[in-house]
PDB file of all heavy atoms in Angstrom:
ATOM      1  N   ARG A   1       0.865  -1.226  -0.008  1.00  0.00           N
ATOM      2  CA  ARG A   1       0.020   0.004   0.015  1.00  0.00           C
ATOM      3  C   ARG A   1       0.895   1.247   0.008  1.00  0.00           C
ATOM      4  O   ARG A   1       0.556   2.266  -0.704  1.00  0.00           O
ATOM      5  CB  ARG A   1      -0.945   0.030   1.232  1.00  0.00           C
ATOM      6  CG  ARG A   1      -2.044  -1.035   1.130  1.00  0.00           C
ATOM      7  CD  ARG A   1      -3.121  -0.835   2.171  1.00  0.00           C
ATOM      8  NE  ARG A   1      -2.678  -0.791   3.603  1.00  0.00           N
ATOM      9  CZ  ARG A   1      -2.419  -1.860   4.298  1.00  0.00           C
ATOM     10  NH1 ARG A   1      -2.765  -3.072   3.864  1.00  0.00           N
ATOM     11  NH2 ARG A   1      -1.972  -1.701   5.609  1.00  0.00           N
ATOM     12  N   ALA A   2       1.960   1.208   0.774  1.00  0.00           N
ATOM     13  CA  ALA A   2       2.817   2.347   0.841  1.00  0.00           C
ATOM     14  C   ALA A   2       3.499   2.574  -0.486  1.00  0.00           C
ATOM     15  O   ALA A   2       3.715   3.739  -0.999  1.00  0.00           O
ATOM     16  CB  ALA A   2       3.836   2.154   1.917  1.00  0.00           C
ATOM     17  N   GLU A   3       3.915   1.509  -1.205  1.00  0.00           N
ATOM     18  CA  GLU A   3       4.530   1.633  -2.505  1.00  0.00           C
ATOM     19  C   GLU A   3       3.583   2.210  -3.484  1.00  0.00           C
ATOM     20  O   GLU A   3       3.986   3.037  -4.405  1.00  0.00           O
ATOM     21  CB  GLU A   3       5.036   0.271  -3.003  1.00  0.00           C
ATOM     22  CG  GLU A   3       6.272  -0.204  -2.193  1.00  0.00           C
ATOM     23  CD  GLU A   3       6.660  -1.668  -2.451  1.00  0.00           C
ATOM     24  OE1 GLU A   3       5.774  -2.460  -2.894  1.00  0.00           O
ATOM     25  OE2 GLU A   3       7.838  -1.989  -2.200  1.00  0.00           O
ATOM     26  N   ALA A   4       2.292   1.830  -3.400  1.00  0.00           N
ATOM     27  CA  ALA A   4       1.254   2.312  -4.246  1.00  0.00           C
ATOM     28  C   ALA A   4       1.024   3.887  -4.010  1.00  0.00           C
ATOM     29  O   ALA A   4       0.942   4.630  -4.969  1.00  0.00           O
ATOM     30  CB  ALA A   4      -0.065   1.600  -4.051  1.00  0.00           C
ATOM     31  N   ARG A   5       1.147   4.254  -2.737  1.00  0.00           N
ATOM     32  CA  ARG A   5       0.992   5.666  -2.457  1.00  0.00           C
ATOM     33  C   ARG A   5       2.170   6.488  -2.920  1.00  0.00           C
ATOM     34  O   ARG A   5       2.022   7.621  -3.463  1.00  0.00           O
ATOM     35  CB  ARG A   5       0.803   5.927  -0.895  1.00  0.00           C
ATOM     36  CG  ARG A   5      -0.554   5.479  -0.472  1.00  0.00           C
ATOM     37  CD  ARG A   5      -0.770   5.937   1.053  1.00  0.00           C
ATOM     38  NE  ARG A   5       0.281   5.641   2.028  1.00  0.00           N
ATOM     39  CZ  ARG A   5       0.419   4.420   2.591  1.00  0.00           C
ATOM     40  NH1 ARG A   5      -0.516   3.507   2.399  1.00  0.00           N
ATOM     41  NH2 ARG A   5       1.367   4.255   3.552  1.00  0.00           N
ATOM     42  N   LEU A   6       3.342   5.866  -2.863  1.00  0.00           N
ATOM     43  CA  LEU A   6       4.565   6.514  -3.373  1.00  0.00           C
ATOM     44  C   LEU A   6       4.396   6.676  -4.930  1.00  0.00           C
ATOM     45  O   LEU A   6       4.716   7.789  -5.421  1.00  0.00           O
ATOM     46  CB  LEU A   6       5.767   5.672  -3.055  1.00  0.00           C
ATOM     47  CG  LEU A   6       7.142   6.226  -3.402  1.00  0.00           C
ATOM     48  CD1 LEU A   6       7.337   7.551  -2.768  1.00  0.00           C
ATOM     49  CD2 LEU A   6       8.307   5.181  -3.075  1.00  0.00           C
ATOM     50  N   ALA A   7       3.977   5.755  -5.600  1.00  0.00           N
ATOM     51  CA  ALA A   7       3.758   5.766  -7.039  1.00  0.00           C
ATOM     52  C   ALA A   7       2.716   6.812  -7.382  1.00  0.00           C
ATOM     53  O   ALA A   7       2.802   7.528  -8.407  1.00  0.00           O
ATOM     54  CB  ALA A   7       3.358   4.495  -7.652  1.00  0.00           C
ATOM     55  N   ALA A   8       1.716   6.987  -6.563  1.00  0.00           N
ATOM     56  CA  ALA A   8       0.677   7.987  -6.813  1.00  0.00           C
ATOM     57  C   ALA A   8       0.999   9.354  -6.365  1.00  0.00           C
ATOM     58  O   ALA A   8       0.267  10.324  -6.513  1.00  0.00           O
ATOM     59  CB  ALA A   8      -0.635   7.521  -6.091  1.00  0.00           C
ATOM     60  N   GLY A   9       2.120   9.489  -5.661  1.00  0.00           N
ATOM     61  CA  GLY A   9       2.550  10.812  -5.210  1.00  0.00           C
ATOM     62  C   GLY A   9       1.847  11.226  -3.845  1.00  0.00           C
ATOM     63  O   GLY A   9       1.866  12.391  -3.466  1.00  0.00           O
ATOM     64  N   THR A  10       1.333  10.262  -3.139  1.00  0.00           N
ATOM     65  CA  THR A  10       0.650  10.529  -1.857  1.00  0.00           C
ATOM     66  C   THR A  10       1.323   9.955  -0.696  1.00  0.00           C
ATOM     67  O   THR A  10       0.858   9.945   0.437  1.00  0.00           O
ATOM     68  CB  THR A  10      -0.808  10.116  -1.917  1.00  0.00           C
ATOM     69  OG1 THR A  10      -0.896   8.670  -2.117  1.00  0.00           O
ATOM     70  CG2 THR A  10      -1.633  10.825  -2.978  1.00  0.00           C
ATOM     71  N   TYR A  11       2.487   9.398  -0.867  1.00  0.00           N
ATOM     72  CA  TYR A  11       3.254   8.861   0.278  1.00  0.00           C
ATOM     73  C   TYR A  11       3.609   9.920   1.223  1.00  0.00           C
ATOM     74  O   TYR A  11       4.030  11.029   0.899  1.00  0.00           O
ATOM     75  CB  TYR A  11       4.571   8.196  -0.300  1.00  0.00           C
ATOM     76  CG  TYR A  11       5.335   7.594   0.839  1.00  0.00           C
ATOM     77  CD1 TYR A  11       5.080   6.331   1.374  1.00  0.00           C
ATOM     78  CD2 TYR A  11       6.495   8.221   1.385  1.00  0.00           C
ATOM     79  CE1 TYR A  11       5.735   5.735   2.375  1.00  0.00           C
ATOM     80  CE2 TYR A  11       7.213   7.654   2.378  1.00  0.00           C
ATOM     81  CZ  TYR A  11       6.888   6.334   2.838  1.00  0.00           C
ATOM     82  OH  TYR A  11       7.578   5.807   3.884  1.00  0.00           O
ATOM     83  N   GLY A  12       3.443   9.621   2.494  1.00  0.00           N
ATOM     84  CA  GLY A  12       3.751  10.631   3.533  1.00  0.00           C
ATOM     85  C   GLY A  12       2.593  11.567   3.857  1.00  0.00           C
ATOM     86  O   GLY A  12       2.752  12.493   4.674  1.00  0.00           O
ATOM     87  N   ILE A  13       1.404  11.276   3.286  1.00  0.00           N
ATOM     88  CA  ILE A  13       0.235  12.105   3.560  1.00  0.00           C
ATOM     89  C   ILE A  13      -0.810  11.133   4.202  1.00  0.00           C
ATOM     90  O   ILE A  13      -1.031  10.052   3.725  1.00  0.00           O
ATOM     91  CB  ILE A  13      -0.316  12.634   2.283  1.00  0.00           C
ATOM     92  CG1 ILE A  13       0.679  13.659   1.676  1.00  0.00           C
ATOM     93  CG2 ILE A  13      -1.630  13.371   2.533  1.00  0.00           C
ATOM     94  CD1 ILE A  13       0.304  14.108   0.237  1.00  0.00           C
ATOM     95  N   SER A  14      -1.357  11.515   5.305  1.00  0.00           N
ATOM     96  CA  SER A  14      -2.328  10.665   6.047  1.00  0.00           C
ATOM     97  C   SER A  14      -3.483  10.307   5.135  1.00  0.00           C
ATOM     98  O   SER A  14      -4.056  11.128   4.533  1.00  0.00           O
ATOM     99  CB  SER A  14      -2.821  11.474   7.278  1.00  0.00           C
ATOM    100  OG  SER A  14      -3.945  10.743   7.869  1.00  0.00           O
ATOM    101  N   VAL A  15      -3.821   9.027   5.226  1.00  0.00           N
ATOM    102  CA  VAL A  15      -5.033   8.495   4.423  1.00  0.00           C
ATOM    103  C   VAL A  15      -6.261   8.950   5.135  1.00  0.00           C
ATOM    104  O   VAL A  15      -7.332   8.901   4.448  1.00  0.00           O
ATOM    105  CB  VAL A  15      -4.959   7.023   4.296  1.00  0.00           C
ATOM    106  CG1 VAL A  15      -3.702   6.589   3.474  1.00  0.00           C
ATOM    107  CG2 VAL A  15      -5.020   6.320   5.594  1.00  0.00           C
ATOM    108  N   GLU A  16      -6.176   9.375   6.346  1.00  0.00           N
ATOM    109  CA  GLU A  16      -7.345   9.753   7.100  1.00  0.00           C
ATOM    110  C   GLU A  16      -7.654  11.282   6.933  1.00  0.00           C
ATOM    111  O   GLU A  16      -8.791  11.697   6.691  1.00  0.00           O
ATOM    112  CB  GLU A  16      -7.128   9.442   8.631  1.00  0.00           C
ATOM    113  CG  GLU A  16      -8.446   9.603   9.446  1.00  0.00           C
ATOM    114  CD  GLU A  16      -8.206   8.981  10.800  1.00  0.00           C
ATOM    115  OE1 GLU A  16      -7.795   7.877  10.891  1.00  0.00           O
ATOM    116  OE2 GLU A  16      -8.492   9.704  11.769  1.00  0.00           O
ATOM    117  N   SER A  17      -6.661  12.131   7.203  1.00  0.00           N
ATOM    118  CA  SER A  17      -6.886  13.570   7.283  1.00  0.00           C
ATOM    119  C   SER A  17      -6.292  14.327   6.078  1.00  0.00           C
ATOM    120  O   SER A  17      -6.569  15.538   5.964  1.00  0.00           O
ATOM    121  CB  SER A  17      -6.355  14.121   8.582  1.00  0.00           C
ATOM    122  OG  SER A  17      -4.946  14.022   8.550  1.00  0.00           O
ATOM    123  N   GLY A  18      -5.351  13.696   5.431  1.00  0.00           N
ATOM    124  CA  GLY A  18      -4.626  14.468   4.326  1.00  0.00           C
ATOM    125  C   GLY A  18      -3.454  15.289   4.926  1.00  0.00           C
ATOM    126  O   GLY A  18      -2.833  16.002   4.185  1.00  0.00           O
ATOM    127  N   GLU A  19      -3.290  15.167   6.222  1.00  0.00           N
ATOM    128  CA  GLU A  19      -2.079  15.977   6.852  1.00  0.00           C
ATOM    129  C   GLU A  19      -0.767  15.229   6.481  1.00  0.00           C
ATOM    130  O   GLU A  19      -0.777  13.985   6.322  1.00  0.00           O
ATOM    131  CB  GLU A  19      -2.267  15.974   8.333  1.00  0.00           C
ATOM    132  CG  GLU A  19      -3.325  16.860   8.901  1.00  0.00           C
ATOM    133  CD  GLU A  19      -3.408  16.868  10.389  1.00  0.00           C
ATOM    134  OE1 GLU A  19      -2.261  16.752  11.071  1.00  0.00           O
ATOM    135  OE2 GLU A  19      -4.398  17.007  10.996  1.00  0.00           O
ATOM    136  N   GLN A  20       0.299  16.010   6.479  1.00  0.00           N
ATOM    137  CA  GLN A  20       1.593  15.541   6.272  1.00  0.00           C
ATOM    138  C   GLN A  20       2.008  14.595   7.368  1.00  0.00           C
ATOM    139  O   GLN A  20       1.867  14.936   8.578  1.00  0.00           O
ATOM    140  CB  GLN A  20       2.542  16.634   6.091  1.00  0.00           C
ATOM    141  CG  GLN A  20       3.891  16.230   5.576  1.00  0.00           C
ATOM    142  CD  GLN A  20       3.900  15.905   4.019  1.00  0.00           C
ATOM    143  OE1 GLN A  20       3.075  16.398   3.306  1.00  0.00           O
ATOM    144  NE2 GLN A  20       4.735  14.985   3.641  1.00  0.00           N
ATOM    145  N   ILE A  21       2.598  13.406   7.173  1.00  0.00           N
ATOM    146  CA  ILE A  21       3.149  12.623   8.204  1.00  0.00           C
ATOM    147  C   ILE A  21       4.622  13.026   8.326  1.00  0.00           C
ATOM    148  O   ILE A  21       5.305  13.064   7.339  1.00  0.00           O
ATOM    149  CB  ILE A  21       3.055  11.105   7.858  1.00  0.00           C
ATOM    150  CG1 ILE A  21       1.569  10.699   7.681  1.00  0.00           C
ATOM    151  CG2 ILE A  21       3.744  10.268   8.848  1.00  0.00           C
ATOM    152  CD1 ILE A  21       1.342   9.316   7.078  1.00  0.00           C
ATOM    153  N   PRO A  22       5.043  13.389   9.592  1.00  0.00           N
ATOM    154  CA  PRO A  22       6.463  13.806   9.709  1.00  0.00           C
ATOM    155  C   PRO A  22       7.498  12.742   9.265  1.00  0.00           C
ATOM    156  O   PRO A  22       7.284  11.576   9.421  1.00  0.00           O
ATOM    157  CB  PRO A  22       6.560  13.962  11.194  1.00  0.00           C
ATOM    158  CG  PRO A  22       5.168  14.189  11.700  1.00  0.00           C
ATOM    159  CD  PRO A  22       4.301  13.364  10.804  1.00  0.00           C
ATOM    160  N   ASP A  23       8.527  13.249   8.603  1.00  0.00           N
ATOM    161  CA  ASP A  23       9.601  12.343   8.113  1.00  0.00           C
ATOM    162  C   ASP A  23      10.168  11.515   9.211  1.00  0.00           C
ATOM    163  O   ASP A  23      10.467  10.358   9.000  1.00  0.00           O
ATOM    164  CB  ASP A  23      10.728  13.205   7.481  1.00  0.00           C
ATOM    165  CG  ASP A  23      10.315  13.808   6.117  1.00  0.00           C
ATOM    166  OD1 ASP A  23       9.246  13.433   5.628  1.00  0.00           O
ATOM    167  OD2 ASP A  23      11.095  14.632   5.642  1.00  0.00           O
ATOM    168  N   ALA A  24      10.297  12.051  10.450  1.00  0.00           N
ATOM    169  CA  ALA A  24      10.812  11.243  11.575  1.00  0.00           C
ATOM    170  C   ALA A  24       9.977   9.972  11.785  1.00  0.00           C
ATOM    171  O   ALA A  24      10.401   8.978  12.044  1.00  0.00           O
ATOM    172  CB  ALA A  24      10.872  12.090  12.832  1.00  0.00           C
ATOM    173  N   ARG A  25       8.617  10.149  11.693  1.00  0.00           N
ATOM    174  CA  ARG A  25       7.747   8.941  11.819  1.00  0.00           C
ATOM    175  C   ARG A  25       7.938   7.982  10.698  1.00  0.00           C
ATOM    176  O   ARG A  25       8.040   6.782  10.896  1.00  0.00           O
ATOM    177  CB  ARG A  25       6.283   9.420  11.869  1.00  0.00           C
ATOM    178  CG  ARG A  25       5.294   8.236  11.878  1.00  0.00           C
ATOM    179  CD  ARG A  25       3.909   8.654  12.364  1.00  0.00           C
ATOM    180  NE  ARG A  25       2.850   7.689  12.191  1.00  0.00           N
ATOM    181  CZ  ARG A  25       2.702   6.577  12.847  1.00  0.00           C
ATOM    182  NH1 ARG A  25       3.618   6.230  13.801  1.00  0.00           N
ATOM    183  NH2 ARG A  25       1.716   5.795  12.634  1.00  0.00           N
ATOM    184  N   LEU A  26       8.066   8.454   9.429  1.00  0.00           N
ATOM    185  CA  LEU A  26       8.265   7.604   8.266  1.00  0.00           C
ATOM    186  C   LEU A  26       9.592   6.926   8.362  1.00  0.00           C
ATOM    187  O   LEU A  26       9.757   5.778   7.864  1.00  0.00           O
ATOM    188  CB  LEU A  26       8.161   8.413   6.994  1.00  0.00           C
ATOM    189  CG  LEU A  26       6.776   8.958   6.718  1.00  0.00           C
ATOM    190  CD1 LEU A  26       6.718   9.936   5.553  1.00  0.00           C
ATOM    191  CD2 LEU A  26       5.750   7.824   6.464  1.00  0.00           C
ATOM    192  N   GLU A  27      10.648   7.464   8.926  1.00  0.00           N
ATOM    193  CA  GLU A  27      11.940   6.866   9.154  1.00  0.00           C
ATOM    194  C   GLU A  27      11.811   5.670   9.972  1.00  0.00           C
ATOM    195  O   GLU A  27      12.405   4.607   9.843  1.00  0.00           O
ATOM    196  CB  GLU A  27      12.991   7.834   9.694  1.00  0.00           C
ATOM    197  CG  GLU A  27      13.484   8.897   8.720  1.00  0.00           C
ATOM    198  CD  GLU A  27      14.442   8.306   7.738  1.00  0.00           C
ATOM    199  OE1 GLU A  27      15.122   7.278   7.950  1.00  0.00           O
ATOM    200  OE2 GLU A  27      14.629   8.966   6.658  1.00  0.00           O
ATOM    201  N   ILE A  28      10.947   5.813  11.066  1.00  0.00           N
ATOM    202  CA  ILE A  28      10.805   4.699  12.026  1.00  0.00           C
ATOM    203  C   ILE A  28       9.729   3.671  11.485  1.00  0.00           C
ATOM    204  O   ILE A  28       9.930   2.477  11.678  1.00  0.00           O
ATOM    205  CB  ILE A  28      10.285   5.234  13.366  1.00  0.00           C
ATOM    206  CG1 ILE A  28      11.375   6.074  13.957  1.00  0.00           C
ATOM    207  CG2 ILE A  28       9.833   4.132  14.315  1.00  0.00           C
ATOM    208  CD1 ILE A  28      10.948   6.971  15.156  1.00  0.00           C
ATOM    209  N   ALA A  29       8.691   4.177  10.869  1.00  0.00           N
ATOM    210  CA  ALA A  29       7.589   3.360  10.452  1.00  0.00           C
ATOM    211  C   ALA A  29       7.286   3.671   8.952  1.00  0.00           C
ATOM    212  O   ALA A  29       6.323   4.462   8.679  1.00  0.00           O
ATOM    213  CB  ALA A  29       6.363   3.486  11.247  1.00  0.00           C
ATOM    214  N   PRO A  30       8.077   3.220   8.009  1.00  0.00           N
ATOM    215  CA  PRO A  30       7.903   3.649   6.604  1.00  0.00           C
ATOM    216  C   PRO A  30       6.545   3.299   5.983  1.00  0.00           C
ATOM    217  O   PRO A  30       6.196   3.895   4.962  1.00  0.00           O
ATOM    218  CB  PRO A  30       9.067   2.930   5.845  1.00  0.00           C
ATOM    219  CG  PRO A  30       9.583   1.902   6.781  1.00  0.00           C
ATOM    220  CD  PRO A  30       9.167   2.238   8.155  1.00  0.00           C
ATOM    221  N   THR A  31       5.777   2.441   6.575  1.00  0.00           N
ATOM    222  CA  THR A  31       4.441   2.122   6.033  1.00  0.00           C
ATOM    223  C   THR A  31       3.327   2.888   6.728  1.00  0.00           C
ATOM    224  O   THR A  31       2.160   2.624   6.482  1.00  0.00           O
ATOM    225  CB  THR A  31       4.202   0.614   6.172  1.00  0.00           C
ATOM    226  OG1 THR A  31       4.241   0.271   7.496  1.00  0.00           O
ATOM    227  CG2 THR A  31       5.197  -0.231   5.341  1.00  0.00           C
ATOM    228  N   ALA A  32       3.695   3.903   7.608  1.00  0.00           N
ATOM    229  CA  ALA A  32       2.626   4.608   8.305  1.00  0.00           C
ATOM    230  C   ALA A  32       1.713   5.219   7.394  1.00  0.00           C
ATOM    231  O   ALA A  32       2.039   5.809   6.365  1.00  0.00           O
ATOM    232  CB  ALA A  32       3.388   5.730   9.131  1.00  0.00           C
ATOM    233  N   GLU A  33       0.436   5.058   7.744  1.00  0.00           N
ATOM    234  CA  GLU A  33      -0.665   5.617   6.908  1.00  0.00           C
ATOM    235  C   GLU A  33      -1.339   6.784   7.508  1.00  0.00           C
ATOM    236  O   GLU A  33      -2.139   7.544   6.920  1.00  0.00           O
ATOM    237  CB  GLU A  33      -1.772   4.523   6.654  1.00  0.00           C
ATOM    238  CG  GLU A  33      -1.199   3.349   5.859  1.00  0.00           C
ATOM    239  CD  GLU A  33      -2.223   2.253   5.647  1.00  0.00           C
ATOM    240  OE1 GLU A  33      -2.993   1.905   6.523  1.00  0.00           O
ATOM    241  OE2 GLU A  33      -2.219   1.750   4.479  1.00  0.00           O
ATOM    242  N   ARG A  34      -1.047   7.023   8.795  1.00  0.00           N
ATOM    243  CA  ARG A  34      -1.666   8.125   9.640  1.00  0.00           C
ATOM    244  C   ARG A  34      -0.613   8.790  10.441  1.00  0.00           C
ATOM    245  O   ARG A  34       0.406   8.234  10.710  1.00  0.00           O
ATOM    246  CB  ARG A  34      -2.737   7.525  10.461  1.00  0.00           C
ATOM    247  CG  ARG A  34      -3.871   6.975   9.752  1.00  0.00           C
ATOM    248  CD  ARG A  34      -4.857   6.254  10.638  1.00  0.00           C
ATOM    249  NE  ARG A  34      -5.925   5.546   9.925  1.00  0.00           N
ATOM    250  CZ  ARG A  34      -5.766   4.443   9.245  1.00  0.00           C
ATOM    251  NH1 ARG A  34      -4.632   3.855   9.263  1.00  0.00           N
ATOM    252  NH2 ARG A  34      -6.796   3.971   8.558  1.00  0.00           N
ATOM    253  N   THR A  35      -0.918   9.963  10.970  1.00  0.00           N
ATOM    254  CA  THR A  35      -0.021  10.679  11.934  1.00  0.00           C
ATOM    255  C   THR A  35      -0.134   9.884  13.243  1.00  0.00           C
ATOM    256  O   THR A  35      -1.087   9.053  13.414  1.00  0.00           O
ATOM    257  CB  THR A  35      -0.539  12.089  12.171  1.00  0.00           C
ATOM    258  OG1 THR A  35      -1.804  12.080  12.771  1.00  0.00           O
ATOM    259  CG2 THR A  35      -0.552  12.961  10.913  1.00  0.00           C
ATOM    260  N   VAL A  36       0.798  10.158  14.127  1.00  0.00           N
ATOM    261  CA  VAL A  36       0.824   9.464  15.429  1.00  0.00           C
ATOM    262  C   VAL A  36      -0.548   9.728  16.183  1.00  0.00           C
ATOM    263  O   VAL A  36      -1.128   8.865  16.718  1.00  0.00           O
ATOM    264  CB  VAL A  36       1.989   9.950  16.262  1.00  0.00           C
ATOM    265  CG1 VAL A  36       1.911   9.488  17.688  1.00  0.00           C
ATOM    266  CG2 VAL A  36       3.336   9.490  15.641  1.00  0.00           C
ATOM    267  N   GLU A  37      -0.948  10.971  16.157  1.00  0.00           N
ATOM    268  CA  GLU A  37      -2.168  11.410  16.829  1.00  0.00           C
ATOM    269  C   GLU A  37      -3.407  10.627  16.316  1.00  0.00           C
ATOM    270  O   GLU A  37      -4.249  10.175  17.066  1.00  0.00           O
ATOM    271  CB  GLU A  37      -2.404  12.927  16.801  1.00  0.00           C
ATOM    272  CG  GLU A  37      -1.351  13.744  17.457  1.00  0.00           C
ATOM    273  CD  GLU A  37      -0.081  13.912  16.599  1.00  0.00           C
ATOM    274  OE1 GLU A  37      -0.033  13.645  15.420  1.00  0.00           O
ATOM    275  OE2 GLU A  37       0.965  14.264  17.225  1.00  0.00           O
ATOM    276  N   GLU A  38      -3.457  10.531  14.994  1.00  0.00           N
ATOM    277  CA  GLU A  38      -4.666   9.798  14.392  1.00  0.00           C
ATOM    278  C   GLU A  38      -4.480   8.332  14.710  1.00  0.00           C
ATOM    279  O   GLU A  38      -5.574   7.737  15.015  1.00  0.00           O
ATOM    280  CB  GLU A  38      -4.554   9.955  12.840  1.00  0.00           C
ATOM    281  CG  GLU A  38      -4.871  11.359  12.466  1.00  0.00           C
ATOM    282  CD  GLU A  38      -4.611  11.641  10.980  1.00  0.00           C
ATOM    283  OE1 GLU A  38      -3.843  10.815  10.328  1.00  0.00           O
ATOM    284  OE2 GLU A  38      -5.055  12.648  10.446  1.00  0.00           O
ATOM    285  N   GLU A  39      -3.362   7.791  14.711  1.00  0.00           N
ATOM    286  CA  GLU A  39      -3.193   6.395  15.046  1.00  0.00           C
ATOM    287  C   GLU A  39      -3.551   6.118  16.565  1.00  0.00           C
ATOM    288  O   GLU A  39      -4.225   5.110  16.902  1.00  0.00           O
ATOM    289  CB  GLU A  39      -1.785   5.888  14.766  1.00  0.00           C
ATOM    290  CG  GLU A  39      -1.525   4.424  14.659  1.00  0.00           C
ATOM    291  CD  GLU A  39      -2.301   3.761  13.466  1.00  0.00           C
ATOM    292  OE1 GLU A  39      -2.199   4.302  12.313  1.00  0.00           O
ATOM    293  OE2 GLU A  39      -3.011   2.769  13.661  1.00  0.00           O
ATOM    294  N   GLN A  40      -3.194   6.983  17.428  1.00  0.00           N
ATOM    295  CA  GLN A  40      -3.475   6.877  18.785  1.00  0.00           C
ATOM    296  C   GLN A  40      -5.034   6.949  19.050  1.00  0.00           C
ATOM    297  O   GLN A  40      -5.554   6.151  19.858  1.00  0.00           O
ATOM    298  CB  GLN A  40      -2.709   7.820  19.706  1.00  0.00           C
ATOM    299  CG  GLN A  40      -1.249   7.561  19.806  1.00  0.00           C
ATOM    300  CD  GLN A  40      -0.492   8.671  20.541  1.00  0.00           C
ATOM    301  OE1 GLN A  40      -1.022   9.855  20.623  1.00  0.00           O
ATOM    302  NE2 GLN A  40       0.707   8.385  21.033  1.00  0.00           N
TER     303      GLN A  40
END
């Protein structure tokens, strides 16, 4: 799913809110689909 988002140009953007997912989160969890707050 993350590879598909990368190909579509939406990698790093929350699938829930459209907010940017911080790079630090993506470094730790490269498949993250949501921000930490949304996930919590």
